[in-house]
Amino acid sequence: IVGSPYDDNVFPYQSGNPENNAVLSGY
């Protein structure tokens, strides 16, 4: 449904605002 718009090169696996760090995928 949703995924993170950043990859796991960002450690410790977070980027930006943790309250709003996912987007809808195409599906």
PDB file of all heavy atoms in Angstrom:
ATOM      1  N   ILE A   1       0.851  -1.198   0.000  1.00  0.00           N
ATOM      2  CA  ILE A   1       0.000   0.000   0.000  1.00  0.00           C
ATOM      3  C   ILE A   1       0.881   1.241   0.000  1.00  0.00           C
ATOM      4  O   ILE A   1       0.833   2.048  -0.919  1.00  0.00           O
ATOM      5  CB  ILE A   1      -0.966   0.028   1.210  1.00  0.00           C
ATOM      6  CG1 ILE A   1      -1.892  -1.198   1.210  1.00  0.00           C
ATOM      7  CG2 ILE A   1      -1.821   1.310   1.171  1.00  0.00           C
ATOM      8  CD1 ILE A   1      -2.808  -1.286   2.428  1.00  0.00           C
ATOM      9  N   VAL A   2       1.704   1.416   1.043  1.00  0.00           N
ATOM     10  CA  VAL A   2       2.621   2.552   1.095  1.00  0.00           C
ATOM     11  C   VAL A   2       4.046   2.047   1.280  1.00  0.00           C
ATOM     12  O   VAL A   2       4.284   0.923   1.727  1.00  0.00           O
ATOM     13  CB  VAL A   2       2.278   3.539   2.243  1.00  0.00           C
ATOM     14  CG1 VAL A   2       0.921   4.167   2.035  1.00  0.00           C
ATOM     15  CG2 VAL A   2       2.362   2.855   3.603  1.00  0.00           C
ATOM     16  N   GLY A   3       4.987   2.891   0.907  1.00  0.00           N
ATOM     17  CA  GLY A   3       6.394   2.587   1.109  1.00  0.00           C
ATOM     18  C   GLY A   3       7.160   3.852   1.411  1.00  0.00           C
ATOM     19  O   GLY A   3       6.636   4.967   1.277  1.00  0.00           O
ATOM     20  N   SER A   4       8.393   3.697   1.832  1.00  0.00           N
ATOM     21  CA  SER A   4       9.224   4.846   2.184  1.00  0.00           C
ATOM     22  C   SER A   4       9.909   5.399   0.940  1.00  0.00           C
ATOM     23  O   SER A   4      10.473   4.641   0.155  1.00  0.00           O
ATOM     24  CB  SER A   4      10.285   4.438   3.212  1.00  0.00           C
ATOM     25  OG  SER A   4       9.680   3.893   4.357  1.00  0.00           O
ATOM     26  N   PRO A   5       9.894   6.712   0.761  1.00  0.00           N
ATOM     27  CA  PRO A   5      10.500   7.319  -0.431  1.00  0.00           C
ATOM     28  C   PRO A   5      12.010   7.518  -0.279  1.00  0.00           C
ATOM     29  O   PRO A   5      12.585   8.402  -0.867  1.00  0.00           O
ATOM     30  CB  PRO A   5       9.771   8.667  -0.527  1.00  0.00           C
ATOM     31  CG  PRO A   5       9.467   9.013   0.888  1.00  0.00           C
ATOM     32  CD  PRO A   5       9.184   7.705   1.574  1.00  0.00           C
ATOM     33  N   TYR A   6      12.644   6.705   0.547  1.00  0.00           N
ATOM     34  CA  TYR A   6      14.093   6.727   0.696  1.00  0.00           C
ATOM     35  C   TYR A   6      14.546   5.292   0.880  1.00  0.00           C
ATOM     36  O   TYR A   6      13.757   4.411   1.223  1.00  0.00           O
ATOM     37  CB  TYR A   6      14.514   7.590   1.885  1.00  0.00           C
ATOM     38  CG  TYR A   6      13.981   7.127   3.219  1.00  0.00           C
ATOM     39  CD1 TYR A   6      14.734   6.307   4.048  1.00  0.00           C
ATOM     40  CD2 TYR A   6      12.703   7.496   3.654  1.00  0.00           C
ATOM     41  CE1 TYR A   6      14.249   5.868   5.269  1.00  0.00           C
ATOM     42  CE2 TYR A   6      12.217   7.065   4.874  1.00  0.00           C
ATOM     43  CZ  TYR A   6      12.990   6.249   5.680  1.00  0.00           C
ATOM     44  OH  TYR A   6      12.497   5.818   6.883  1.00  0.00           O
ATOM     45  N   ASP A   7      15.824   5.017   0.646  1.00  0.00           N
ATOM     46  CA  ASP A   7      16.263   3.624   0.719  1.00  0.00           C
ATOM     47  C   ASP A   7      17.084   3.376   1.969  1.00  0.00           C
ATOM     48  O   ASP A   7      17.261   4.252   2.807  1.00  0.00           O
ATOM     49  CB  ASP A   7      17.037   3.222  -0.545  1.00  0.00           C
ATOM     50  CG  ASP A   7      18.290   4.068  -0.745  1.00  0.00           C
ATOM     51  OD1 ASP A   7      18.875   4.527   0.259  1.00  0.00           O
ATOM     52  OD2 ASP A   7      18.687   4.260  -1.905  1.00  0.00           O
ATOM     53  N   ASP A   8      17.590   2.147   2.089  1.00  0.00           N
ATOM     54  CA  ASP A   8      18.286   1.808   3.317  1.00  0.00           C
ATOM     55  C   ASP A   8      19.743   2.253   3.316  1.00  0.00           C
ATOM     56  O   ASP A   8      20.534   1.818   4.150  1.00  0.00           O
ATOM     57  CB  ASP A   8      18.169   0.314   3.626  1.00  0.00           C
ATOM     58  CG  ASP A   8      18.792  -0.561   2.556  1.00  0.00           C
ATOM     59  OD1 ASP A   8      19.308  -0.010   1.561  1.00  0.00           O
ATOM     60  OD2 ASP A   8      18.759  -1.791   2.719  1.00  0.00           O
ATOM     61  N   ASN A   9      20.098   3.134   2.375  1.00  0.00           N
ATOM     62  CA  ASN A   9      21.385   3.819   2.500  1.00  0.00           C
ATOM     63  C   ASN A   9      21.325   4.860   3.607  1.00  0.00           C
ATOM     64  O   ASN A   9      22.349   5.367   4.050  1.00  0.00           O
ATOM     65  CB  ASN A   9      21.776   4.497   1.182  1.00  0.00           C
ATOM     66  CG  ASN A   9      22.117   3.477   0.117  1.00  0.00           C
ATOM     67  OD1 ASN A   9      22.686   2.436   0.419  1.00  0.00           O
ATOM     68  ND2 ASN A   9      21.746   3.767  -1.126  1.00  0.00           N
ATOM     69  N   VAL A  10      20.105   5.218   3.985  1.00  0.00           N
ATOM     70  CA  VAL A  10      19.913   6.151   5.092  1.00  0.00           C
ATOM     71  C   VAL A  10      19.859   5.333   6.377  1.00  0.00           C
ATOM     72  O   VAL A  10      18.982   4.500   6.551  1.00  0.00           O
ATOM     73  CB  VAL A  10      18.611   6.962   4.920  1.00  0.00           C
ATOM     74  CG1 VAL A  10      18.411   7.894   6.096  1.00  0.00           C
ATOM     75  CG2 VAL A  10      18.653   7.741   3.613  1.00  0.00           C
ATOM     76  N   PHE A  11      20.806   5.544   7.255  1.00  0.00           N
ATOM     77  CA  PHE A  11      20.821   4.797   8.515  1.00  0.00           C
ATOM     78  C   PHE A  11      20.693   5.777   9.668  1.00  0.00           C
ATOM     79  O   PHE A  11      21.276   6.857   9.615  1.00  0.00           O
ATOM     80  CB  PHE A  11      22.125   3.991   8.645  1.00  0.00           C
ATOM     81  CG  PHE A  11      22.105   3.034   9.798  1.00  0.00           C
ATOM     82  CD1 PHE A  11      21.514   1.786   9.664  1.00  0.00           C
ATOM     83  CD2 PHE A  11      22.643   3.388  11.021  1.00  0.00           C
ATOM     84  CE1 PHE A  11      21.475   0.907  10.728  1.00  0.00           C
ATOM     85  CE2 PHE A  11      22.603   2.520  12.094  1.00  0.00           C
ATOM     86  CZ  PHE A  11      22.018   1.272  11.943  1.00  0.00           C
ATOM     87  N   PRO A  12      19.922   5.506  10.692  1.00  0.00           N
ATOM     88  CA  PRO A  12      19.273   4.213  10.984  1.00  0.00           C
ATOM     89  C   PRO A  12      17.874   4.088  10.411  1.00  0.00           C
ATOM     90  O   PRO A  12      16.889   3.979  11.150  1.00  0.00           O
ATOM     91  CB  PRO A  12      19.256   4.192  12.507  1.00  0.00           C
ATOM     92  CG  PRO A  12      19.084   5.647  12.882  1.00  0.00           C
ATOM     93  CD  PRO A  12      19.810   6.430  11.825  1.00  0.00           C
ATOM     94  N   TYR A  13      17.778   4.104   9.109  1.00  0.00           N
ATOM     95  CA  TYR A  13      16.529   3.830   8.415  1.00  0.00           C
ATOM     96  C   TYR A  13      15.429   4.817   8.747  1.00  0.00           C
ATOM     97  O   TYR A  13      14.305   4.453   9.073  1.00  0.00           O
ATOM     98  CB  TYR A  13      16.063   2.399   8.660  1.00  0.00           C
ATOM     99  CG  TYR A  13      17.145   1.386   8.391  1.00  0.00           C
ATOM    100  CD1 TYR A  13      17.481   0.420   9.309  1.00  0.00           C
ATOM    101  CD2 TYR A  13      17.851   1.416   7.180  1.00  0.00           C
ATOM    102  CE1 TYR A  13      18.489  -0.502   9.055  1.00  0.00           C
ATOM    103  CE2 TYR A  13      18.857   0.500   6.921  1.00  0.00           C
ATOM    104  CZ  TYR A  13      19.175  -0.453   7.859  1.00  0.00           C
ATOM    105  OH  TYR A  13      20.181  -1.345   7.599  1.00  0.00           O
ATOM    106  N   GLN A  14      15.749   6.082   8.673  1.00  0.00           N
ATOM    107  CA  GLN A  14      14.745   7.111   8.793  1.00  0.00           C
ATOM    108  C   GLN A  14      15.235   8.335   8.024  1.00  0.00           C
ATOM    109  O   GLN A  14      16.427   8.530   7.818  1.00  0.00           O
ATOM    110  CB  GLN A  14      14.498   7.504  10.250  1.00  0.00           C
ATOM    111  CG  GLN A  14      15.686   8.208  10.901  1.00  0.00           C
ATOM    112  CD  GLN A  14      15.393   8.676  12.301  1.00  0.00           C
ATOM    113  OE1 GLN A  14      15.593   7.937  13.239  1.00  0.00           O
ATOM    114  NE2 GLN A  14      14.921   9.887  12.429  1.00  0.00           N
ATOM    115  N   SER A  15      14.305   9.121   7.580  1.00  0.00           N
ATOM    116  CA  SER A  15      14.657  10.325   6.843  1.00  0.00           C
ATOM    117  C   SER A  15      13.516  11.313   6.969  1.00  0.00           C
ATOM    118  O   SER A  15      12.349  10.946   6.815  1.00  0.00           O
ATOM    119  CB  SER A  15      14.914  10.014   5.367  1.00  0.00           C
ATOM    120  OG  SER A  15      15.240  11.187   4.653  1.00  0.00           O
ATOM    121  N   GLY A  16      13.858  12.559   7.278  1.00  0.00           N
ATOM    122  CA  GLY A  16      12.828  13.573   7.370  1.00  0.00           C
ATOM    123  C   GLY A  16      11.952  13.382   8.586  1.00  0.00           C
ATOM    124  O   GLY A  16      12.382  12.936   9.640  1.00  0.00           O
ATOM    125  N   ASN A  17      10.683  13.694   8.427  1.00  0.00           N
ATOM    126  CA  ASN A  17       9.722  13.642   9.516  1.00  0.00           C
ATOM    127  C   ASN A  17       9.203  12.218   9.683  1.00  0.00           C
ATOM    128  O   ASN A  17       8.512  11.694   8.804  1.00  0.00           O
ATOM    129  CB  ASN A  17       8.562  14.596   9.207  1.00  0.00           C
ATOM    130  CG  ASN A  17       7.492  14.581  10.286  1.00  0.00           C
ATOM    131  OD1 ASN A  17       7.669  13.985  11.346  1.00  0.00           O
ATOM    132  ND2 ASN A  17       6.375  15.237  10.016  1.00  0.00           N
ATOM    133  N   PRO A  18       9.486  11.552  10.808  1.00  0.00           N
ATOM    134  CA  PRO A  18       9.024  10.174  10.961  1.00  0.00           C
ATOM    135  C   PRO A  18       7.507  10.040  10.989  1.00  0.00           C
ATOM    136  O   PRO A  18       6.982   8.944  10.799  1.00  0.00           O
ATOM    137  CB  PRO A  18       9.647   9.733  12.295  1.00  0.00           C
ATOM    138  CG  PRO A  18       9.919  10.989  13.042  1.00  0.00           C
ATOM    139  CD  PRO A  18      10.248  12.012  11.992  1.00  0.00           C
ATOM    140  N   GLU A  19       6.807  11.150  11.227  1.00  0.00           N
ATOM    141  CA  GLU A  19       5.346  11.118  11.203  1.00  0.00           C
ATOM    142  C   GLU A  19       4.802  11.108   9.771  1.00  0.00           C
ATOM    143  O   GLU A  19       3.637  10.816   9.551  1.00  0.00           O
ATOM    144  CB  GLU A  19       4.779  12.338  11.935  1.00  0.00           C
ATOM    145  CG  GLU A  19       5.158  12.425  13.405  1.00  0.00           C
ATOM    146  CD  GLU A  19       4.394  11.443  14.260  1.00  0.00           C
ATOM    147  OE1 GLU A  19       3.443  10.846  13.736  1.00  0.00           O
ATOM    148  OE2 GLU A  19       4.756  11.265  15.426  1.00  0.00           O
ATOM    149  N   ASN A  20       5.653  11.430   8.819  1.00  0.00           N
ATOM    150  CA  ASN A  20       5.178  11.563   7.443  1.00  0.00           C
ATOM    151  C   ASN A  20       6.313  11.223   6.486  1.00  0.00           C
ATOM    152  O   ASN A  20       6.839  12.071   5.789  1.00  0.00           O
ATOM    153  CB  ASN A  20       4.667  12.988   7.202  1.00  0.00           C
ATOM    154  CG  ASN A  20       4.028  13.146   5.837  1.00  0.00           C
ATOM    155  OD1 ASN A  20       3.682  12.169   5.185  1.00  0.00           O
ATOM    156  ND2 ASN A  20       3.887  14.388   5.397  1.00  0.00           N
ATOM    157  N   ASN A  21       6.682   9.945   6.482  1.00  0.00           N
ATOM    158  CA  ASN A  21       7.793   9.531   5.635  1.00  0.00           C
ATOM    159  C   ASN A  21       7.438   8.299   4.809  1.00  0.00           C
ATOM    160  O   ASN A  21       8.246   7.402   4.606  1.00  0.00           O
ATOM    161  CB  ASN A  21       9.049   9.278   6.467  1.00  0.00           C
ATOM    162  CG  ASN A  21       8.866   8.160   7.491  1.00  0.00           C
ATOM    163  OD1 ASN A  21       7.760   7.656   7.676  1.00  0.00           O
ATOM    164  ND2 ASN A  21       9.952   7.773   8.146  1.00  0.00           N
ATOM    165  N   ALA A  22       6.201   8.249   4.343  1.00  0.00           N
ATOM    166  CA  ALA A  22       5.757   7.177   3.462  1.00  0.00           C
ATOM    167  C   ALA A  22       4.828   7.755   2.409  1.00  0.00           C
ATOM    168  O   ALA A  22       4.184   8.789   2.627  1.00  0.00           O
ATOM    169  CB  ALA A  22       5.050   6.081   4.254  1.00  0.00           C
ATOM    170  N   VAL A  23       4.776   7.095   1.258  1.00  0.00           N
ATOM    171  CA  VAL A  23       3.902   7.529   0.164  1.00  0.00           C
ATOM    172  C   VAL A  23       3.172   6.318  -0.401  1.00  0.00           C
ATOM    173  O   VAL A  23       3.621   5.175  -0.262  1.00  0.00           O
ATOM    174  CB  VAL A  23       4.706   8.224  -0.961  1.00  0.00           C
ATOM    175  CG1 VAL A  23       5.326   9.516  -0.468  1.00  0.00           C
ATOM    176  CG2 VAL A  23       5.771   7.300  -1.527  1.00  0.00           C
ATOM    177  N   LEU A  24       2.051   6.570  -1.018  1.00  0.00           N
ATOM    178  CA  LEU A  24       1.322   5.501  -1.695  1.00  0.00           C
ATOM    179  C   LEU A  24       2.125   5.011  -2.890  1.00  0.00           C
ATOM    180  O   LEU A  24       2.658   5.803  -3.673  1.00  0.00           O
ATOM    181  CB  LEU A  24      -0.040   6.000  -2.170  1.00  0.00           C
ATOM    182  CG  LEU A  24      -1.115   6.206  -1.103  1.00  0.00           C
ATOM    183  CD1 LEU A  24      -2.264   7.025  -1.668  1.00  0.00           C
ATOM    184  CD2 LEU A  24      -1.628   4.869  -0.582  1.00  0.00           C
ATOM    185  N   SER A  25       2.212   3.689  -3.036  1.00  0.00           N
ATOM    186  CA  SER A  25       2.795   3.120  -4.248  1.00  0.00           C
ATOM    187  C   SER A  25       1.782   3.249  -5.380  1.00  0.00           C
ATOM    188  O   SER A  25       0.629   3.672  -5.168  1.00  0.00           O
ATOM    189  CB  SER A  25       3.139   1.654  -4.012  1.00  0.00           C
ATOM    190  OG  SER A  25       1.946   0.887  -3.854  1.00  0.00           O
ATOM    191  N   GLY A  26       2.181   2.874  -6.574  1.00  0.00           N
ATOM    192  CA  GLY A  26       1.234   2.911  -7.684  1.00  0.00           C
ATOM    193  C   GLY A  26       0.022   2.048  -7.414  1.00  0.00           C
ATOM    194  O   GLY A  26      -1.126   2.463  -7.600  1.00  0.00           O
ATOM    195  N   TYR A  27       0.256   0.817  -6.923  1.00  0.00           N
ATOM    196  CA  TYR A  27      -0.865  -0.047  -6.571  1.00  0.00           C
ATOM    197  C   TYR A  27      -1.584   0.476  -5.338  1.00  0.00           C
ATOM    198  O   TYR A  27      -2.810   0.386  -5.237  1.00  0.00           O
ATOM    199  CB  TYR A  27      -0.363  -1.467  -6.329  1.00  0.00           C
ATOM    200  CG  TYR A  27      -1.442  -2.387  -5.822  1.00  0.00           C
ATOM    201  CD1 TYR A  27      -2.481  -2.808  -6.655  1.00  0.00           C
ATOM    202  CD2 TYR A  27      -1.447  -2.829  -4.498  1.00  0.00           C
ATOM    203  CE1 TYR A  27      -3.486  -3.645  -6.190  1.00  0.00           C
ATOM    204  CE2 TYR A  27      -2.442  -3.670  -4.019  1.00  0.00           C
ATOM    205  CZ  TYR A  27      -3.463  -4.068  -4.869  1.00  0.00           C
ATOM    206  OH  TYR A  27      -4.462  -4.885  -4.410  1.00  0.00           O
TER     207      TYR A  27
END
